C-alpha atoms as a PDB file:
ATOM      1  CA  MET A   1     -52.450 -57.723  94.058  1.00  0.00           C
ATOM      2  CA  GLN A   2     -52.253 -53.979  93.404  1.00  0.00           C
ATOM      3  CA  LYS A   3     -49.804 -54.559  90.538  1.00  0.00           C
ATOM      4  CA  ALA A   4     -52.147 -57.128  88.984  1.00  0.00           C
ATOM      5  CA  ILE A   5     -54.985 -54.580  89.057  1.00  0.00           C
ATOM      6  CA  ILE A   6     -52.774 -51.978  87.378  1.00  0.00           C
ATOM      7  CA  TYR A   7     -51.619 -54.372  84.657  1.00  0.00           C
ATOM      8  CA  LEU A   8     -55.139 -55.596  83.899  1.00  0.00           C
ATOM      9  CA  ARG A   9     -56.588 -52.088  83.759  1.00  0.00           C
ATOM     10  CA  GLN A  10     -53.749 -51.005  81.476  1.00  0.00           C
ATOM     11  CA  ALA A  11     -54.309 -53.978  79.171  1.00  0.00           C
ATOM     12  CA  LEU A  12     -58.059 -53.364  79.009  1.00  0.00           C
ATOM     13  CA  ALA A  13     -57.505 -49.657  78.367  1.00  0.00           C
ATOM     14  CA  LYS A  14     -55.156 -50.449  75.478  1.00  0.00           C
ATOM     15  CA  LYS A  15     -57.648 -52.951  74.040  1.00  0.00           C
ATOM     16  CA  HIS A  16     -60.479 -50.417  74.021  1.00  0.00           C
ATOM     17  CA  GLY A  17     -58.526 -47.280  73.178  1.00  0.00           C
ATOM     18  CA  VAL A  18     -59.139 -45.506  76.486  1.00  0.00           C
ATOM     19  CA  THR A  19     -57.107 -44.672  79.594  1.00  0.00           C
ATOM     20  CA  PRO A  20     -56.876 -46.894  82.696  1.00  0.00           C
ATOM     21  CA  GLU A  21     -58.982 -44.261  84.479  1.00  0.00           C
ATOM     22  CA  HIS A  22     -61.879 -45.305  82.232  1.00  0.00           C
ATOM     23  CA  ILE A  23     -61.719 -48.897  83.547  1.00  0.00           C
ATOM     24  CA  MET A  24     -63.155 -50.477  86.681  1.00  0.00           C
ATOM     25  CA  LEU A  25     -62.907 -54.124  87.631  1.00  0.00           C
ATOM     26  CA  GLY A  26     -65.781 -55.994  89.202  1.00  0.00           C
ATOM     27  CA  ASN A  27     -66.564 -59.325  90.812  1.00  0.00           C
ATOM     28  CA  GLY A  28     -68.459 -60.264  87.670  1.00  0.00           C
ATOM     29  CA  SER A  29     -70.925 -57.931  85.946  1.00  0.00           C
ATOM     30  CA  ASN A  30     -73.307 -58.375  88.892  1.00  0.00           C
ATOM     31  CA  GLU A  31     -71.187 -56.288  91.217  1.00  0.00           C
ATOM     32  CA  LEU A  32     -70.749 -53.530  88.643  1.00  0.00           C
ATOM     33  CA  ILE A  33     -74.525 -53.311  88.159  1.00  0.00           C
ATOM     34  CA  GLU A  34     -75.052 -53.107  91.907  1.00  0.00           C
ATOM     35  CA  LEU A  35     -72.377 -50.419  92.263  1.00  0.00           C
ATOM     36  CA  LEU A  36     -73.911 -48.330  89.458  1.00  0.00           C
ATOM     37  CA  VAL A  37     -77.322 -48.483  91.088  1.00  0.00           C
ATOM     38  CA  HIS A  38     -75.913 -47.770  94.542  1.00  0.00           C
ATOM     39  CA  ALA A  39     -73.974 -44.759  93.238  1.00  0.00           C
ATOM     40  CA  PHE A  40     -76.641 -43.127  91.087  1.00  0.00           C
ATOM     41  CA  VAL A  41     -80.099 -44.254  92.258  1.00  0.00           C
ATOM     42  CA  ARG A  42     -81.586 -42.738  95.377  1.00  0.00           C
ATOM     43  CA  PRO A  43     -84.972 -43.593  96.935  1.00  0.00           C
ATOM     44  CA  GLY A  44     -87.640 -42.325  94.560  1.00  0.00           C
ATOM     45  CA  ASP A  45     -85.350 -42.220  91.520  1.00  0.00           C
ATOM     46  CA  GLU A  46     -86.316 -44.309  88.513  1.00  0.00           C
ATOM     47  CA  ALA A  47     -84.449 -46.882  86.454  1.00  0.00           C
ATOM     48  CA  VAL A  48     -85.831 -48.266  83.199  1.00  0.00           C
ATOM     49  CA  VAL A  49     -85.405 -52.030  82.909  1.00  0.00           C
ATOM     50  CA  PRO A  50     -86.512 -54.431  80.166  1.00  0.00           C
ATOM     51  CA  HIS A  51     -88.478 -57.582  80.944  1.00  0.00           C
ATOM     52  CA  PRO A  52     -87.784 -60.425  80.687  1.00  0.00           C
ATOM     53  CA  SER A  53     -84.125 -59.637  81.130  1.00  0.00           C
ATOM     54  CA  PHE A  54     -81.309 -60.002  83.650  1.00  0.00           C
ATOM     55  CA  VAL A  55     -82.900 -60.239  87.097  1.00  0.00           C
ATOM     56  CA  VAL A  56     -80.114 -58.272  88.826  1.00  0.00           C
ATOM     57  CA  TYR A  57     -81.339 -54.987  87.286  1.00  0.00           C
ATOM     58  CA  PRO A  58     -84.711 -54.777  89.077  1.00  0.00           C
ATOM     59  CA  MET A  59     -83.369 -56.452  92.207  1.00  0.00           C
ATOM     60  CA  SER A  60     -80.600 -53.858  92.605  1.00  0.00           C
ATOM     61  CA  VAL A  61     -82.962 -50.946  91.941  1.00  0.00           C
ATOM     62  CA  GLN A  62     -85.443 -52.244  94.517  1.00  0.00           C
ATOM     63  CA  ALA A  63     -82.681 -52.749  97.083  1.00  0.00           C
ATOM     64  CA  SER A  64     -81.665 -49.104  96.674  1.00  0.00           C
ATOM     65  CA  GLY A  65     -85.212 -47.849  97.142  1.00  0.00           C
ATOM     66  CA  GLY A  66     -85.504 -46.870  93.503  1.00  0.00           C
ATOM     67  CA  ILE A  67     -88.536 -47.257  91.254  1.00  0.00           C
ATOM     68  CA  ARG A  68     -88.355 -49.996  88.632  1.00  0.00           C
ATOM     69  CA  VAL A  69     -89.921 -48.831  85.382  1.00  0.00           C
ATOM     70  CA  VAL A  70     -90.456 -52.091  83.517  1.00  0.00           C
ATOM     71  CA  VAL A  71     -90.794 -52.155  79.722  1.00  0.00           C
ATOM     72  CA  MET A  72     -91.858 -55.476  78.214  1.00  0.00           C
ATOM     73  CA  LEU A  73     -89.995 -56.978  75.282  1.00  0.00           C
ATOM     74  CA  LYS A  74     -91.528 -57.048  71.805  1.00  0.00           C
ATOM     75  CA  ASP A  75     -91.149 -60.294  69.870  1.00  0.00           C
ATOM     76  CA  HIS A  76     -88.482 -61.382  72.374  1.00  0.00           C
ATOM     77  CA  ARG A  77     -86.393 -58.232  71.690  1.00  0.00           C
ATOM     78  CA  LEU A  78     -85.804 -55.099  73.743  1.00  0.00           C
ATOM     79  CA  ASP A  79     -88.384 -52.454  72.871  1.00  0.00           C
ATOM     80  CA  LEU A  80     -86.065 -49.462  72.628  1.00  0.00           C
ATOM     81  CA  GLU A  81     -88.882 -47.202  71.477  1.00  0.00           C
ATOM     82  CA  GLY A  82     -90.904 -48.132  74.544  1.00  0.00           C
ATOM     83  CA  MET A  83     -87.891 -47.715  76.811  1.00  0.00           C
ATOM     84  CA  ALA A  84     -87.186 -44.240  75.433  1.00  0.00           C
ATOM     85  CA  ARG A  85     -90.818 -43.239  76.012  1.00  0.00           C
ATOM     86  CA  ALA A  86     -90.586 -44.514  79.618  1.00  0.00           C
ATOM     87  CA  ILE A  87     -87.843 -42.038  80.527  1.00  0.00           C
ATOM     88  CA  THR A  88     -88.921 -39.200  82.820  1.00  0.00           C
ATOM     89  CA  PRO A  89     -87.081 -36.421  84.678  1.00  0.00           C
ATOM     90  CA  LEU A  90     -86.643 -38.946  87.514  1.00  0.00           C
ATOM     91  CA  THR A  91     -84.858 -41.542  85.346  1.00  0.00           C
ATOM     92  CA  LYS A  92     -81.254 -42.023  86.426  1.00  0.00           C
ATOM     93  CA  LEU A  93     -80.366 -45.312  84.675  1.00  0.00           C
ATOM     94  CA  VAL A  94     -81.518 -47.291  81.651  1.00  0.00           C
ATOM     95  CA  PHE A  95     -80.350 -50.888  81.294  1.00  0.00           C
ATOM     96  CA  ILE A  96     -79.714 -52.332  77.830  1.00  0.00           C
ATOM     97  CA  ALA A  97     -78.801 -56.023  77.866  1.00  0.00           C
ATOM     98  CA  ASN A  98     -77.322 -56.692  74.441  1.00  0.00           C
ATOM     99  CA  PRO A  99     -77.602 -59.563  73.674  1.00  0.00           C
ATOM    100  CA  ASN A 100     -80.462 -59.991  76.103  1.00  0.00           C
ATOM    101  CA  ASN A 101     -80.660 -62.717  78.723  1.00  0.00           C
ATOM    102  CA  PRO A 102     -82.775 -64.926  78.601  1.00  0.00           C
ATOM    103  CA  THR A 103     -83.946 -64.387  75.006  1.00  0.00           C
ATOM    104  CA  ALA A 104     -80.493 -64.268  73.310  1.00  0.00           C
ATOM    105  CA  THR A 105     -81.714 -61.510  71.001  1.00  0.00           C
ATOM    106  CA  MET A 106     -79.926 -58.234  70.251  1.00  0.00           C
ATOM    107  CA  VAL A 107     -80.710 -54.689  69.228  1.00  0.00           C
ATOM    108  CA  THR A 108     -78.879 -53.325  66.211  1.00  0.00           C
ATOM    109  CA  ALA A 109     -76.568 -50.371  65.692  1.00  0.00           C
ATOM    110  CA  ASP A 110     -79.279 -48.440  63.828  1.00  0.00           C
ATOM    111  CA  GLU A 111     -81.827 -49.074  66.575  1.00  0.00           C
ATOM    112  CA  VAL A 112     -79.397 -47.972  69.280  1.00  0.00           C
ATOM    113  CA  GLU A 113     -78.480 -44.843  67.317  1.00  0.00           C
ATOM    114  CA  ARG A 114     -82.136 -43.794  67.162  1.00  0.00           C
ATOM    115  CA  PHE A 115     -82.549 -44.648  70.851  1.00  0.00           C
ATOM    116  CA  MET A 116     -79.513 -42.645  71.966  1.00  0.00           C
ATOM    117  CA  ALA A 117     -80.761 -39.609  70.048  1.00  0.00           C
ATOM    118  CA  ARG A 118     -83.737 -39.520  72.430  1.00  0.00           C
ATOM    119  CA  ILE A 119     -81.843 -39.945  75.704  1.00  0.00           C
ATOM    120  CA  PRO A 120     -81.591 -36.796  77.869  1.00  0.00           C
ATOM    121  CA  GLU A 121     -78.211 -35.673  79.150  1.00  0.00           C
ATOM    122  CA  ARG A 122     -79.101 -36.451  82.788  1.00  0.00           C
ATOM    123  CA  THR A 123     -79.714 -40.196  82.165  1.00  0.00           C
ATOM    124  CA  ILE A 124     -76.991 -42.859  82.192  1.00  0.00           C
ATOM    125  CA  VAL A 125     -77.365 -45.710  79.701  1.00  0.00           C
ATOM    126  CA  VAL A 126     -75.841 -48.990  80.876  1.00  0.00           C
ATOM    127  CA  PHE A 127     -74.923 -51.355  78.046  1.00  0.00           C
ATOM    128  CA  ASP A 128     -74.556 -54.840  79.527  1.00  0.00           C
ATOM    129  CA  GLU A 129     -72.621 -56.770  76.870  1.00  0.00           C
ATOM    130  CA  ALA A 130     -71.758 -60.016  78.632  1.00  0.00           C
ATOM    131  CA  TYR A 131     -72.372 -62.045  75.459  1.00  0.00           C
ATOM    132  CA  ILE A 132     -70.850 -59.623  72.942  1.00  0.00           C
ATOM    133  CA  GLU A 133     -68.309 -62.069  71.511  1.00  0.00           C
ATOM    134  CA  PHE A 134     -71.114 -64.297  70.189  1.00  0.00           C
ATOM    135  CA  ALA A 135     -73.025 -61.388  68.631  1.00  0.00           C
ATOM    136  CA  GLN A 136     -70.358 -59.269  66.989  1.00  0.00           C
ATOM    137  CA  GLY A 137     -70.971 -58.274  63.388  1.00  0.00           C
ATOM    138  CA  PRO A 138     -71.623 -55.212  61.230  1.00  0.00           C
ATOM    139  CA  ASP A 139     -75.064 -54.782  62.802  1.00  0.00           C
ATOM    140  CA  PHE A 140     -73.819 -54.780  66.418  1.00  0.00           C
ATOM    141  CA  PRO A 141     -73.665 -51.301  68.013  1.00  0.00           C
ATOM    142  CA  ASP A 142     -70.397 -49.683  69.051  1.00  0.00           C
ATOM    143  CA  SER A 143     -71.502 -48.670  72.534  1.00  0.00           C
ATOM    144  CA  LEU A 144     -68.010 -47.517  73.526  1.00  0.00           C
ATOM    145  CA  ALA A 145     -68.158 -44.863  70.792  1.00  0.00           C
ATOM    146  CA  TYR A 146     -70.958 -43.093  72.684  1.00  0.00           C
ATOM    147  CA  MET A 147     -68.851 -42.981  75.826  1.00  0.00           C
ATOM    148  CA  LYS A 148     -65.886 -41.599  73.852  1.00  0.00           C
ATOM    149  CA  GLN A 149     -68.202 -38.904  72.454  1.00  0.00           C
ATOM    150  CA  GLY A 150     -68.867 -37.722  75.993  1.00  0.00           C
ATOM    151  CA  ARG A 151     -72.269 -39.350  76.427  1.00  0.00           C
ATOM    152  CA  LYS A 152     -73.266 -40.701  79.841  1.00  0.00           C
ATOM    153  CA  VAL A 153     -72.720 -44.360  79.036  1.00  0.00           C
ATOM    154  CA  ALA A 154     -71.352 -47.301  81.016  1.00  0.00           C
ATOM    155  CA  VAL A 155     -70.333 -50.436  79.125  1.00  0.00           C
ATOM    156  CA  LEU A 156     -70.097 -53.711  81.026  1.00  0.00           C
ATOM    157  CA  ARG A 157     -68.123 -56.723  79.797  1.00  0.00           C
ATOM    158  CA  THR A 158     -67.071 -60.005  81.370  1.00  0.00           C
ATOM    159  CA  PHE A 159     -64.557 -62.825  81.131  1.00  0.00           C
ATOM    160  CA  SER A 160     -67.236 -65.308  82.226  1.00  0.00           C
ATOM    161  CA  LYS A 161     -68.583 -66.273  78.797  1.00  0.00           C
ATOM    162  CA  ALA A 162     -66.337 -66.575  75.732  1.00  0.00           C
ATOM    163  CA  ALA A 163     -63.159 -66.460  77.835  1.00  0.00           C
ATOM    164  CA  SER A 164     -64.533 -69.380  79.906  1.00  0.00           C
ATOM    165  CA  LEU A 165     -63.646 -67.893  83.316  1.00  0.00           C
ATOM    166  CA  ALA A 166     -67.142 -67.919  84.832  1.00  0.00           C
ATOM    167  CA  GLY A 167     -66.132 -69.369  88.202  1.00  0.00           C
ATOM    168  CA  LEU A 168     -63.433 -66.755  88.741  1.00  0.00           C
ATOM    169  CA  ARG A 169     -65.884 -63.818  88.615  1.00  0.00           C
ATOM    170  CA  ALA A 170     -63.944 -61.234  86.589  1.00  0.00           C
ATOM    171  CA  GLY A 171     -65.859 -58.443  84.911  1.00  0.00           C
ATOM    172  CA  TYR A 172     -65.126 -54.851  84.021  1.00  0.00           C
ATOM    173  CA  GLY A 173     -66.829 -51.597  83.209  1.00  0.00           C
ATOM    174  CA  VAL A 174     -65.817 -48.793  80.860  1.00  0.00           C
ATOM    175  CA  ALA A 175     -67.116 -45.295  81.600  1.00  0.00           C
ATOM    176  CA  ASP A 176     -66.132 -41.658  81.999  1.00  0.00           C
ATOM    177  CA  PRO A 177     -63.271 -41.298  84.526  1.00  0.00           C
ATOM    178  CA  ASP A 178     -65.449 -39.118  86.776  1.00  0.00           C
ATOM    179  CA  ALA A 179     -68.062 -41.886  86.957  1.00  0.00           C
ATOM    180  CA  ILE A 180     -65.373 -44.496  87.578  1.00  0.00           C
ATOM    181  CA  ALA A 181     -63.949 -42.357  90.396  1.00  0.00           C
ATOM    182  CA  LEU A 182     -67.376 -42.211  92.023  1.00  0.00           C
ATOM    183  CA  LEU A 183     -67.810 -45.972  91.744  1.00  0.00           C
ATOM    184  CA  ASN A 184     -64.364 -46.566  93.218  1.00  0.00           C
ATOM    185  CA  ARG A 185     -65.413 -44.667  96.347  1.00  0.00           C
ATOM    186  CA  ILE A 186     -67.975 -47.349  97.156  1.00  0.00           C
ATOM    187  CA  ARG A 187     -66.217 -50.359  95.640  1.00  0.00           C
ATOM    188  CA  PRO A 188     -64.881 -52.934  98.112  1.00  0.00           C
ATOM    189  CA  PRO A 189     -61.068 -52.573  98.093  1.00  0.00           C
ATOM    190  CA  PHE A 190     -60.292 -56.192  97.143  1.00  0.00           C
ATOM    191  CA  ASN A 191     -63.355 -57.069  95.060  1.00  0.00           C
ATOM    192  CA  VAL A 192     -61.543 -59.096  92.372  1.00  0.00           C
ATOM    193  CA  ASN A 193     -59.121 -61.705  93.653  1.00  0.00           C
ATOM    194  CA  SER A 194     -55.566 -61.945  92.315  1.00  0.00           C
ATOM    195  CA  LEU A 195     -56.099 -65.337  90.637  1.00  0.00           C
ATOM    196  CA  ALA A 196     -59.045 -63.968  88.660  1.00  0.00           C
ATOM    197  CA  GLN A 197     -56.993 -60.935  87.641  1.00  0.00           C
ATOM    198  CA  ALA A 198     -54.101 -63.090  86.448  1.00  0.00           C
ATOM    199  CA  ALA A 199     -56.448 -65.352  84.484  1.00  0.00           C
ATOM    200  CA  ALA A 200     -58.215 -62.353  82.912  1.00  0.00           C
ATOM    201  CA  LEU A 201     -54.903 -60.817  81.891  1.00  0.00           C
ATOM    202  CA  ALA A 202     -53.861 -64.096  80.264  1.00  0.00           C
ATOM    203  CA  ALA A 203     -57.246 -64.380  78.543  1.00  0.00           C
ATOM    204  CA  LEU A 204     -56.739 -61.009  76.864  1.00  0.00           C
ATOM    205  CA  ASP A 205     -53.720 -62.465  75.060  1.00  0.00           C
ATOM    206  CA  ASP A 206     -55.507 -65.701  74.116  1.00  0.00           C
ATOM    207  CA  GLU A 207     -57.673 -64.535  71.241  1.00  0.00           C
ATOM    208  CA  SER A 208     -57.471 -67.973  69.617  1.00  0.00           C
ATOM    209  CA  HIS A 209     -59.425 -69.488  72.524  1.00  0.00           C
ATOM    210  CA  VAL A 210     -62.204 -66.932  72.180  1.00  0.00           C
ATOM    211  CA  LEU A 211     -62.368 -67.431  68.410  1.00  0.00           C
ATOM    212  CA  GLU A 212     -62.547 -71.208  68.818  1.00  0.00           C
ATOM    213  CA  CYS A 213     -65.212 -70.888  71.497  1.00  0.00           C
ATOM    214  CA  VAL A 214     -67.292 -68.637  69.239  1.00  0.00           C
ATOM    215  CA  ARG A 215     -66.832 -71.072  66.331  1.00  0.00           C
ATOM    216  CA  LEU A 216     -67.979 -74.035  68.417  1.00  0.00           C
ATOM    217  CA  ILE A 217     -71.007 -72.142  69.703  1.00  0.00           C
ATOM    218  CA  ASP A 218     -71.955 -71.064  66.184  1.00  0.00           C
ATOM    219  CA  ALA A 219     -71.726 -74.645  64.899  1.00  0.00           C
ATOM    220  CA  GLY A 220     -73.651 -75.951  67.910  1.00  0.00           C
ATOM    221  CA  ARG A 221     -76.328 -73.313  67.469  1.00  0.00           C
ATOM    222  CA  HIS A 222     -77.063 -74.384  63.902  1.00  0.00           C
ATOM    223  CA  PHE A 223     -76.965 -78.068  64.858  1.00  0.00           C
ATOM    224  CA  LEU A 224     -79.550 -77.448  67.566  1.00  0.00           C
ATOM    225  CA  TYR A 225     -81.715 -75.371  65.236  1.00  0.00           C
ATOM    226  CA  ASP A 226     -81.972 -78.352  62.885  1.00  0.00           C
ATOM    227  CA  GLU A 227     -82.685 -80.760  65.729  1.00  0.00           C
ATOM    228  CA  PHE A 228     -85.323 -78.506  67.283  1.00  0.00           C
ATOM    229  CA  LYS A 229     -87.070 -78.232  63.920  1.00  0.00           C
ATOM    230  CA  ALA A 230     -87.054 -82.031  63.624  1.00  0.00           C
ATOM    231  CA  LEU A 231     -88.562 -82.295  67.111  1.00  0.00           C
ATOM    232  CA  GLY A 232     -91.192 -79.672  66.381  1.00  0.00           C
ATOM    233  CA  ILE A 233     -89.782 -77.315  69.026  1.00  0.00           C
ATOM    234  CA  LYS A 234     -90.105 -73.598  68.439  1.00  0.00           C
ATOM    235  CA  TYR A 235     -87.036 -71.480  69.200  1.00  0.00           C
ATOM    236  CA  VAL A 236     -85.926 -67.849  69.157  1.00  0.00           C
ATOM    237  CA  PRO A 237     -82.954 -67.203  66.814  1.00  0.00           C
ATOM    238  CA  SER A 238     -79.968 -66.621  69.073  1.00  0.00           C
ATOM    239  CA  ARG A 239     -77.037 -64.209  69.091  1.00  0.00           C
ATOM    240  CA  ALA A 240     -75.598 -65.667  72.294  1.00  0.00           C
ATOM    241  CA  ASN A 241     -74.377 -69.012  73.638  1.00  0.00           C
ATOM    242  CA  PHE A 242     -77.855 -70.189  74.613  1.00  0.00           C
ATOM    243  CA  ILE A 243     -81.239 -70.587  72.937  1.00  0.00           C
ATOM    244  CA  LEU A 244     -84.726 -69.844  74.231  1.00  0.00           C
ATOM    245  CA  VAL A 245     -87.117 -72.635  73.210  1.00  0.00           C
ATOM    246  CA  ASP A 246     -90.822 -73.306  73.633  1.00  0.00           C
ATOM    247  CA  VAL A 247     -91.522 -76.958  74.407  1.00  0.00           C
ATOM    248  CA  GLY A 248     -95.293 -76.463  74.265  1.00  0.00           C
ATOM    249  CA  ARG A 249     -95.915 -77.942  77.698  1.00  0.00           C
ATOM    250  CA  SER A 250     -94.902 -77.332  81.314  1.00  0.00           C
ATOM    251  CA  ALA A 251     -91.306 -76.161  81.280  1.00  0.00           C
ATOM    252  CA  THR A 252     -90.897 -77.167  84.921  1.00  0.00           C
ATOM    253  CA  GLU A 253     -92.012 -80.700  84.125  1.00  0.00           C
ATOM    254  CA  ILE A 254     -89.621 -81.002  81.176  1.00  0.00           C
ATOM    255  CA  TYR A 255     -86.811 -79.516  83.259  1.00  0.00           C
ATOM    256  CA  GLN A 256     -87.322 -82.139  85.962  1.00  0.00           C
ATOM    257  CA  LYS A 257     -87.424 -84.969  83.433  1.00  0.00           C
ATOM    258  CA  LEU A 258     -84.260 -83.732  81.704  1.00  0.00           C
ATOM    259  CA  LEU A 259     -82.572 -83.471  85.082  1.00  0.00           C
ATOM    260  CA  ARG A 260     -83.249 -87.166  85.654  1.00  0.00           C
ATOM    261  CA  GLU A 261     -81.544 -87.797  82.295  1.00  0.00           C
ATOM    262  CA  GLY A 262     -78.476 -85.920  83.525  1.00  0.00           C
ATOM    263  CA  VAL A 263     -79.150 -82.784  81.460  1.00  0.00           C
ATOM    264  CA  ILE A 264     -79.514 -79.352  83.089  1.00  0.00           C
ATOM    265  CA  VAL A 265     -81.534 -76.598  81.422  1.00  0.00           C
ATOM    266  CA  ARG A 266     -83.331 -73.609  82.924  1.00  0.00           C
ATOM    267  CA  PRO A 267     -87.112 -73.273  83.005  1.00  0.00           C
ATOM    268  CA  MET A 268     -88.342 -69.734  82.327  1.00  0.00           C
ATOM    269  CA  THR A 269     -91.392 -69.909  84.592  1.00  0.00           C
ATOM    270  CA  SER A 270     -89.961 -67.198  86.859  1.00  0.00           C
ATOM    271  CA  PHE A 271     -90.153 -64.844  83.868  1.00  0.00           C
ATOM    272  CA  GLY A 272     -93.778 -65.741  83.204  1.00  0.00           C
ATOM    273  CA  MET A 273     -92.937 -68.069  80.307  1.00  0.00           C
ATOM    274  CA  GLU A 274     -94.559 -71.297  81.465  1.00  0.00           C
ATOM    275  CA  THR A 275     -93.544 -73.431  78.462  1.00  0.00           C
ATOM    276  CA  ALA A 276     -90.090 -71.993  77.751  1.00  0.00           C
ATOM    277  CA  LEU A 277     -86.602 -73.296  78.507  1.00  0.00           C
ATOM    278  CA  ARG A 278     -83.258 -71.576  78.206  1.00  0.00           C
ATOM    279  CA  ILE A 279     -80.791 -74.090  76.816  1.00  0.00           C
ATOM    280  CA  THR A 280     -77.052 -73.487  76.820  1.00  0.00           C
ATOM    281  CA  ILE A 281     -75.162 -74.513  73.693  1.00  0.00           C
ATOM    282  CA  GLY A 282     -72.476 -77.008  74.674  1.00  0.00           C
ATOM    283  CA  THR A 283     -69.835 -79.172  73.063  1.00  0.00           C
ATOM    284  CA  PRO A 284     -70.893 -81.426  70.171  1.00  0.00           C
ATOM    285  CA  GLN A 285     -71.158 -84.371  72.591  1.00  0.00           C
ATOM    286  CA  GLU A 286     -73.233 -82.357  75.063  1.00  0.00           C
ATOM    287  CA  ASN A 287     -75.521 -81.096  72.315  1.00  0.00           C
ATOM    288  CA  ARG A 288     -76.179 -84.634  71.073  1.00  0.00           C
ATOM    289  CA  ARG A 289     -76.891 -85.789  74.613  1.00  0.00           C
ATOM    290  CA  LEU A 290     -79.351 -82.930  75.058  1.00  0.00           C
ATOM    291  CA  VAL A 291     -81.184 -83.821  71.856  1.00  0.00           C
ATOM    292  CA  ALA A 292     -81.401 -87.486  72.833  1.00  0.00           C
ATOM    293  CA  ALA A 293     -82.747 -86.563  76.270  1.00  0.00           C
ATOM    294  CA  LEU A 294     -85.276 -84.144  74.774  1.00  0.00           C
ATOM    295  CA  ARG A 295     -86.453 -86.794  72.330  1.00  0.00           C
ATOM    296  CA  ALA A 296     -86.924 -89.225  75.200  1.00  0.00           C
ATOM    297  CA  VAL A 297     -88.805 -86.909  77.548  1.00  0.00           C
ATOM    298  CA  LEU A 298     -90.985 -85.500  74.771  1.00  0.00           C
ATOM    299  CA  GLY A 299     -91.865 -88.977  73.589  1.00  0.00           C
ATOM    300  CA  LYS A 300     -90.397 -88.449  70.126  1.00  0.00           C
ATOM    301  CA  THR A 301     -88.954 -91.309  68.128  1.00  0.00           C
ATOM    302  CA  SER A 302     -85.791 -91.138  66.052  1.00  0.00           C
ATOM    303  CA  ALA A 303     -86.266 -90.504  62.362  1.00  0.00           C
END
């Protein structure tokens, strides 16, 4: 198992132009988030978290006795201006989910550049980029460049999305070697199993799979946009492999009805969005089945 860890860290370091000492493996991004909070947030320290966003951020901060400084999204996007203003001398971490979950929106390179110019030296910025493969483009920020410049930045990636290894729980973080050394002191010694490591190493060499996955998601996204428009369903333009939609009625009710049709979506009621669903983009067959089920439960007739 130790050799597998070495090989995977070496491969990731080569991919990102850093040393293996910059790389830490995690049991998915969740564990890396928890380790960062455990290492750097003490009772009374603050962490700035966006909302609605990934629920593990505030949960981990609360579990460590930290203070969650919540900044609401603007137009379904992270409010970087508001997050920068929320930073105080007590702020240890700032979480940037890019693209954001559950809204599938992203913040641009220009926006991040302005944000980073306002971040004090004492604060660590955590870029959680689980969905980066679906969002890459000239407007997507190069978060690793900030780390290479010596900024206090941690970049989290995963093999769970575009690499299709969700069940194996393989994620990794890239940060300054001193930060990685601190995290390794509290990391469980066998946190990523050998099968997950072997699969992740193979996935790094299978770029064609990732490209095909991204292509299918892009095609499915535009197919669903057209179908949602035809159904009169509002949606948030997505830069991920899911879409946030507003069905205009109880999301919990629609979720239950879709479940009876054999289609699983996620109601956003826990985020305070009573009429919103997060819908994963699937294969062409799955997307058509979703649309048919939505049409049935919403009482829409075929054109």
